[in-house]
Amino acid sequence: MNLPELPAKASRSELRKAMLRLRLEMHRQELRHETLVLLQPLRQAQHFGRHWREELRDSNAPLWAAGGALLLATLGMRRGHWRRWLRIALIAFPLLRRHPPRPPASDRAERG
């Protein structure tokens, strides 16, 4: 924070203005700090999501999702409904493989 330059013989009004500027700057910094404190859980959640997307990027997660849907269809559904769930799993599998997770916003900004 830069302190305002005051002449040696500053008037009372100039001193008041300088004091008001200092107080406003202090409030601005307090608000910034409180905002950072409040947004910390959100940043942690974003980091957690980004970490797991990176971990799952080259894995067989879509295959596991389709297999899980098939397992739920065969074990948990009544007779006759499992075909519908199998069809949904088989449709979802190529779609999940085709669209990998998007890179984080910071990576897109560096590239573009």
N, C-alpha and C. Protein backbone atom coordinates (compact mmCIF):
# COMPACT_ATOMS: atom_id res chain seq x y z
N MET A 1 0.84 -1.16 0.00
CA MET A 1 0.00 0.00 0.00
C MET A 1 0.89 1.24 0.00
N ASN A 2 0.65 2.14 -0.92
CA ASN A 2 1.44 3.36 -1.01
C ASN A 2 0.81 4.44 -0.15
N LEU A 3 1.62 5.04 0.70
CA LEU A 3 1.12 6.14 1.52
C LEU A 3 1.10 7.40 0.67
N PRO A 4 0.06 8.21 0.84
CA PRO A 4 0.00 9.44 0.04
C PRO A 4 1.09 10.43 0.46
N GLU A 5 1.59 11.13 -0.52
CA GLU A 5 2.62 12.13 -0.25
C GLU A 5 1.95 13.42 0.20
N LEU A 6 2.33 13.90 1.35
CA LEU A 6 1.76 15.14 1.87
C LEU A 6 2.86 16.18 2.01
N PRO A 7 2.55 17.39 1.65
CA PRO A 7 3.55 18.46 1.87
C PRO A 7 3.74 18.71 3.36
N ALA A 8 4.82 19.37 3.69
CA ALA A 8 5.14 19.60 5.10
C ALA A 8 4.06 20.43 5.79
N LYS A 9 3.49 21.39 5.09
CA LYS A 9 2.44 22.23 5.68
C LYS A 9 1.12 21.93 4.99
N ALA A 10 0.59 20.72 5.24
CA ALA A 10 -0.68 20.33 4.65
C ALA A 10 -1.82 20.92 5.46
N SER A 11 -2.86 21.31 4.76
CA SER A 11 -4.02 21.87 5.44
C SER A 11 -4.83 20.75 6.09
N ARG A 12 -5.77 21.15 6.94
CA ARG A 12 -6.60 20.16 7.61
C ARG A 12 -7.43 19.36 6.61
N SER A 13 -7.92 19.99 5.58
CA SER A 13 -8.73 19.27 4.59
C SER A 13 -7.89 18.26 3.81
N GLU A 14 -6.64 18.61 3.51
CA GLU A 14 -5.76 17.64 2.83
C GLU A 14 -5.46 16.46 3.74
N LEU A 15 -5.25 16.72 5.03
CA LEU A 15 -5.02 15.63 5.97
C LEU A 15 -6.25 14.73 6.09
N ARG A 16 -7.45 15.33 6.12
CA ARG A 16 -8.67 14.53 6.17
C ARG A 16 -8.81 13.66 4.94
N LYS A 17 -8.53 14.23 3.77
CA LYS A 17 -8.62 13.46 2.53
C LYS A 17 -7.64 12.29 2.54
N ALA A 18 -6.42 12.55 3.02
CA ALA A 18 -5.43 11.47 3.08
C ALA A 18 -5.87 10.38 4.05
N MET A 19 -6.44 10.81 5.19
CA MET A 19 -6.93 9.84 6.17
C MET A 19 -8.08 9.02 5.59
N LEU A 20 -8.98 9.66 4.86
CA LEU A 20 -10.10 8.95 4.24
C LEU A 20 -9.60 7.94 3.20
N ARG A 21 -8.60 8.34 2.41
CA ARG A 21 -8.03 7.41 1.42
C ARG A 21 -7.41 6.18 2.10
N LEU A 22 -6.69 6.42 3.19
CA LEU A 22 -6.09 5.31 3.92
C LEU A 22 -7.17 4.38 4.49
N ARG A 23 -8.23 4.96 5.03
CA ARG A 23 -9.30 4.14 5.59
C ARG A 23 -10.00 3.33 4.49
N LEU A 24 -10.25 3.93 3.35
CA LEU A 24 -10.88 3.21 2.25
C LEU A 24 -9.98 2.08 1.75
N GLU A 25 -8.70 2.33 1.68
CA GLU A 25 -7.78 1.28 1.25
C GLU A 25 -7.76 0.13 2.26
N MET A 26 -7.81 0.45 3.54
CA MET A 26 -7.84 -0.57 4.57
C MET A 26 -9.11 -1.42 4.44
N HIS A 27 -10.26 -0.79 4.21
CA HIS A 27 -11.51 -1.53 4.04
C HIS A 27 -11.46 -2.40 2.79
N ARG A 28 -10.87 -1.88 1.74
CA ARG A 28 -10.76 -2.67 0.51
C ARG A 28 -9.93 -3.93 0.75
N GLN A 29 -8.84 -3.79 1.47
CA GLN A 29 -8.00 -4.95 1.76
C GLN A 29 -8.69 -5.93 2.71
N GLU A 30 -9.46 -5.42 3.66
CA GLU A 30 -10.21 -6.31 4.54
C GLU A 30 -11.24 -7.12 3.76
N LEU A 31 -11.95 -6.45 2.86
CA LEU A 31 -12.93 -7.16 2.03
C LEU A 31 -12.27 -8.21 1.15
N ARG A 32 -11.13 -7.87 0.59
CA ARG A 32 -10.41 -8.83 -0.25
C ARG A 32 -10.00 -10.06 0.56
N HIS A 33 -9.50 -9.83 1.76
CA HIS A 33 -9.08 -10.94 2.62
C HIS A 33 -10.28 -11.82 2.99
N GLU A 34 -11.39 -11.21 3.39
CA GLU A 34 -12.58 -11.98 3.76
C GLU A 34 -13.12 -12.77 2.57
N THR A 35 -13.05 -12.20 1.39
CA THR A 35 -13.50 -12.91 0.19
C THR A 35 -12.63 -14.13 -0.06
N LEU A 36 -11.32 -13.97 0.09
CA LEU A 36 -10.42 -15.12 -0.09
C LEU A 36 -10.70 -16.22 0.93
N VAL A 37 -10.99 -15.83 2.16
CA VAL A 37 -11.30 -16.82 3.20
C VAL A 37 -12.59 -17.54 2.88
N LEU A 38 -13.61 -16.81 2.44
CA LEU A 38 -14.90 -17.43 2.13
C LEU A 38 -14.84 -18.33 0.91
N LEU A 39 -13.99 -18.00 -0.05
CA LEU A 39 -13.92 -18.78 -1.29
C LEU A 39 -12.96 -19.96 -1.20
N GLN A 40 -12.25 -20.11 -0.09
CA GLN A 40 -11.29 -21.21 0.04
C GLN A 40 -11.94 -22.58 -0.12
N PRO A 41 -13.10 -22.89 0.50
CA PRO A 41 -13.71 -24.21 0.27
C PRO A 41 -14.08 -24.45 -1.19
N LEU A 42 -14.52 -23.41 -1.88
CA LEU A 42 -14.84 -23.55 -3.30
C LEU A 42 -13.59 -23.89 -4.10
N ARG A 43 -12.49 -23.23 -3.81
CA ARG A 43 -11.24 -23.53 -4.51
C ARG A 43 -10.77 -24.96 -4.24
N GLN A 44 -10.95 -25.42 -3.00
CA GLN A 44 -10.57 -26.79 -2.68
C GLN A 44 -11.43 -27.79 -3.45
N ALA A 45 -12.73 -27.51 -3.56
CA ALA A 45 -13.62 -28.40 -4.32
C ALA A 45 -13.24 -28.41 -5.79
N GLN A 46 -12.89 -27.26 -6.35
CA GLN A 46 -12.46 -27.22 -7.74
C GLN A 46 -11.18 -28.02 -7.94
N HIS A 47 -10.25 -27.88 -7.01
CA HIS A 47 -9.00 -28.62 -7.12
C HIS A 47 -9.26 -30.12 -7.02
N PHE A 48 -10.16 -30.52 -6.11
CA PHE A 48 -10.49 -31.93 -5.95
C PHE A 48 -11.09 -32.49 -7.25
N GLY A 49 -12.03 -31.76 -7.86
CA GLY A 49 -12.62 -32.21 -9.12
C GLY A 49 -11.61 -32.29 -10.24
N ARG A 50 -10.74 -31.29 -10.33
CA ARG A 50 -9.72 -31.28 -11.37
C ARG A 50 -8.75 -32.44 -11.19
N HIS A 51 -8.40 -32.73 -9.94
CA HIS A 51 -7.48 -33.83 -9.66
C HIS A 51 -8.07 -35.16 -10.12
N TRP A 52 -9.34 -35.41 -9.80
CA TRP A 52 -9.95 -36.68 -10.18
C TRP A 52 -10.18 -36.79 -11.67
N ARG A 53 -10.48 -35.65 -12.34
CA ARG A 53 -10.60 -35.70 -13.81
C ARG A 53 -9.27 -36.07 -14.44
N GLU A 54 -8.17 -35.54 -13.91
CA GLU A 54 -6.85 -35.88 -14.45
C GLU A 54 -6.53 -37.34 -14.19
N GLU A 55 -6.91 -37.84 -13.02
CA GLU A 55 -6.66 -39.24 -12.70
C GLU A 55 -7.45 -40.18 -13.61
N LEU A 56 -8.67 -39.79 -13.93
CA LEU A 56 -9.54 -40.67 -14.72
C LEU A 56 -9.43 -40.47 -16.23
N ARG A 57 -8.63 -39.50 -16.65
CA ARG A 57 -8.56 -39.16 -18.07
C ARG A 57 -8.18 -40.35 -18.93
N ASP A 58 -7.15 -41.09 -18.56
CA ASP A 58 -6.67 -42.20 -19.37
C ASP A 58 -7.07 -43.55 -18.80
N SER A 59 -8.08 -43.56 -17.97
CA SER A 59 -8.48 -44.82 -17.35
C SER A 59 -9.66 -45.41 -18.10
N ASN A 60 -10.17 -46.48 -17.57
CA ASN A 60 -11.33 -47.15 -18.16
C ASN A 60 -12.60 -46.79 -17.43
N ALA A 61 -12.71 -45.57 -16.95
CA ALA A 61 -13.88 -45.16 -16.18
C ALA A 61 -15.18 -45.29 -16.98
N PRO A 62 -15.24 -44.89 -18.26
CA PRO A 62 -16.49 -45.07 -19.00
C PRO A 62 -16.87 -46.54 -19.13
N LEU A 63 -15.87 -47.39 -19.28
CA LEU A 63 -16.14 -48.82 -19.36
C LEU A 63 -16.72 -49.32 -18.04
N TRP A 64 -16.17 -48.85 -16.93
CA TRP A 64 -16.70 -49.24 -15.63
C TRP A 64 -18.12 -48.71 -15.44
N ALA A 65 -18.38 -47.50 -15.93
CA ALA A 65 -19.74 -46.94 -15.81
C ALA A 65 -20.74 -47.77 -16.60
N ALA A 66 -20.35 -48.16 -17.81
CA ALA A 66 -21.25 -48.99 -18.62
C ALA A 66 -21.44 -50.36 -17.97
N GLY A 67 -20.36 -50.91 -17.43
CA GLY A 67 -20.47 -52.20 -16.74
C GLY A 67 -21.33 -52.11 -15.50
N GLY A 68 -21.20 -51.01 -14.77
CA GLY A 68 -22.05 -50.82 -13.59
C GLY A 68 -23.51 -50.68 -13.94
N ALA A 69 -23.78 -49.96 -15.05
CA ALA A 69 -25.17 -49.85 -15.49
C ALA A 69 -25.72 -51.21 -15.90
N LEU A 70 -24.90 -52.00 -16.55
CA LEU A 70 -25.33 -53.35 -16.94
C LEU A 70 -25.59 -54.20 -15.70
N LEU A 71 -24.71 -54.11 -14.73
CA LEU A 71 -24.88 -54.88 -13.50
C LEU A 71 -26.16 -54.47 -12.77
N LEU A 72 -26.40 -53.16 -12.67
CA LEU A 72 -27.64 -52.71 -12.04
C LEU A 72 -28.85 -53.18 -12.82
N ALA A 73 -28.72 -53.18 -14.13
CA ALA A 73 -29.85 -53.61 -14.96
C ALA A 73 -30.16 -55.08 -14.74
N THR A 74 -29.13 -55.90 -14.66
CA THR A 74 -29.38 -57.33 -14.54
C THR A 74 -29.79 -57.72 -13.12
N LEU A 75 -29.25 -57.06 -12.11
CA LEU A 75 -29.53 -57.47 -10.73
C LEU A 75 -30.71 -56.73 -10.11
N GLY A 76 -30.84 -55.45 -10.44
CA GLY A 76 -31.81 -54.66 -9.72
C GLY A 76 -33.13 -54.40 -10.42
N MET A 77 -33.26 -54.73 -11.67
CA MET A 77 -34.48 -54.42 -12.40
C MET A 77 -35.36 -55.66 -12.54
N ARG A 78 -36.63 -55.38 -12.72
CA ARG A 78 -37.56 -56.48 -12.95
C ARG A 78 -37.32 -57.10 -14.31
N ARG A 79 -37.88 -58.20 -14.50
CA ARG A 79 -37.73 -58.94 -15.75
C ARG A 79 -38.29 -58.10 -16.91
N GLY A 80 -37.54 -58.00 -17.99
CA GLY A 80 -37.98 -57.26 -19.16
C GLY A 80 -37.42 -55.85 -19.25
N HIS A 81 -37.09 -55.25 -18.12
CA HIS A 81 -36.57 -53.88 -18.15
C HIS A 81 -35.06 -53.85 -18.34
N TRP A 82 -34.38 -54.95 -18.18
CA TRP A 82 -32.92 -54.94 -18.27
C TRP A 82 -32.45 -54.62 -19.68
N ARG A 83 -33.24 -54.92 -20.68
CA ARG A 83 -32.83 -54.63 -22.07
C ARG A 83 -32.73 -53.11 -22.29
N ARG A 84 -33.66 -52.39 -21.70
CA ARG A 84 -33.64 -50.93 -21.85
C ARG A 84 -32.38 -50.35 -21.20
N TRP A 85 -32.03 -50.83 -20.00
CA TRP A 85 -30.84 -50.33 -19.32
C TRP A 85 -29.56 -50.76 -20.05
N LEU A 86 -29.56 -51.92 -20.62
CA LEU A 86 -28.42 -52.35 -21.41
C LEU A 86 -28.24 -51.46 -22.62
N ARG A 87 -29.35 -51.13 -23.26
CA ARG A 87 -29.29 -50.25 -24.43
C ARG A 87 -28.75 -48.87 -24.03
N ILE A 88 -29.21 -48.35 -22.89
CA ILE A 88 -28.71 -47.04 -22.42
C ILE A 88 -27.21 -47.10 -22.14
N ALA A 89 -26.77 -48.18 -21.51
CA ALA A 89 -25.34 -48.32 -21.21
C ALA A 89 -24.52 -48.40 -22.49
N LEU A 90 -25.03 -49.13 -23.47
CA LEU A 90 -24.28 -49.27 -24.73
C LEU A 90 -24.28 -47.97 -25.52
N ILE A 91 -25.30 -47.16 -25.36
CA ILE A 91 -25.31 -45.85 -26.02
C ILE A 91 -24.38 -44.89 -25.29
N ALA A 92 -24.36 -44.95 -23.97
CA ALA A 92 -23.56 -44.02 -23.17
C ALA A 92 -22.07 -44.29 -23.30
N PHE A 93 -21.68 -45.54 -23.47
CA PHE A 93 -20.27 -45.88 -23.51
C PHE A 93 -19.50 -45.12 -24.59
N PRO A 94 -19.91 -45.16 -25.87
CA PRO A 94 -19.14 -44.41 -26.88
C PRO A 94 -19.19 -42.90 -26.65
N LEU A 95 -20.30 -42.40 -26.12
CA LEU A 95 -20.38 -40.96 -25.88
C LEU A 95 -19.40 -40.54 -24.79
N LEU A 96 -19.27 -41.35 -23.76
CA LEU A 96 -18.32 -41.03 -22.70
C LEU A 96 -16.88 -41.15 -23.18
N ARG A 97 -16.61 -42.08 -24.04
CA ARG A 97 -15.24 -42.23 -24.56
C ARG A 97 -14.89 -41.11 -25.53
N ARG A 98 -15.89 -40.59 -26.24
CA ARG A 98 -15.63 -39.57 -27.26
C ARG A 98 -15.37 -38.20 -26.64
N HIS A 99 -16.00 -37.89 -25.53
CA HIS A 99 -15.88 -36.57 -24.92
C HIS A 99 -15.12 -36.66 -23.60
N PRO A 100 -13.78 -36.56 -23.65
CA PRO A 100 -13.02 -36.56 -22.39
C PRO A 100 -13.29 -35.27 -21.63
N PRO A 101 -12.98 -35.22 -20.35
CA PRO A 101 -13.20 -33.99 -19.57
C PRO A 101 -12.42 -32.84 -20.15
N ARG A 102 -13.01 -31.64 -20.06
CA ARG A 102 -12.32 -30.45 -20.55
C ARG A 102 -11.17 -30.08 -19.63
N PRO A 103 -10.08 -29.54 -20.21
CA PRO A 103 -8.97 -29.10 -19.34
C PRO A 103 -9.43 -27.91 -18.50
N PRO A 104 -8.76 -27.66 -17.38
CA PRO A 104 -9.12 -26.52 -16.53
C PRO A 104 -9.00 -25.21 -17.28
N ALA A 105 -9.65 -24.18 -16.79
CA ALA A 105 -9.68 -22.87 -17.46
C ALA A 105 -8.27 -22.30 -17.60
N SER A 106 -7.39 -22.55 -16.64
CA SER A 106 -6.04 -21.98 -16.72
C SER A 106 -5.26 -22.58 -17.88
N ASP A 107 -5.48 -23.88 -18.19
CA ASP A 107 -4.80 -24.50 -19.32
C ASP A 107 -5.34 -23.93 -20.63
N ARG A 108 -6.66 -23.68 -20.70
CA ARG A 108 -7.23 -23.14 -21.93
C ARG A 108 -6.72 -21.73 -22.18
N ALA A 109 -6.52 -20.94 -21.12
CA ALA A 109 -6.05 -19.57 -21.29
C ALA A 109 -4.61 -19.55 -21.81
N GLU A 110 -3.80 -20.51 -21.38
CA GLU A 110 -2.40 -20.56 -21.84
C GLU A 110 -2.32 -20.94 -23.31
N ARG A 111 -3.20 -21.82 -23.74
CA ARG A 111 -3.17 -22.27 -25.13
C ARG A 111 -3.73 -21.22 -26.07
N GLY A 112 -4.79 -20.54 -25.68
CA GLY A 112 -5.52 -19.65 -26.56
C GLY A 112 -5.06 -18.28 -26.54
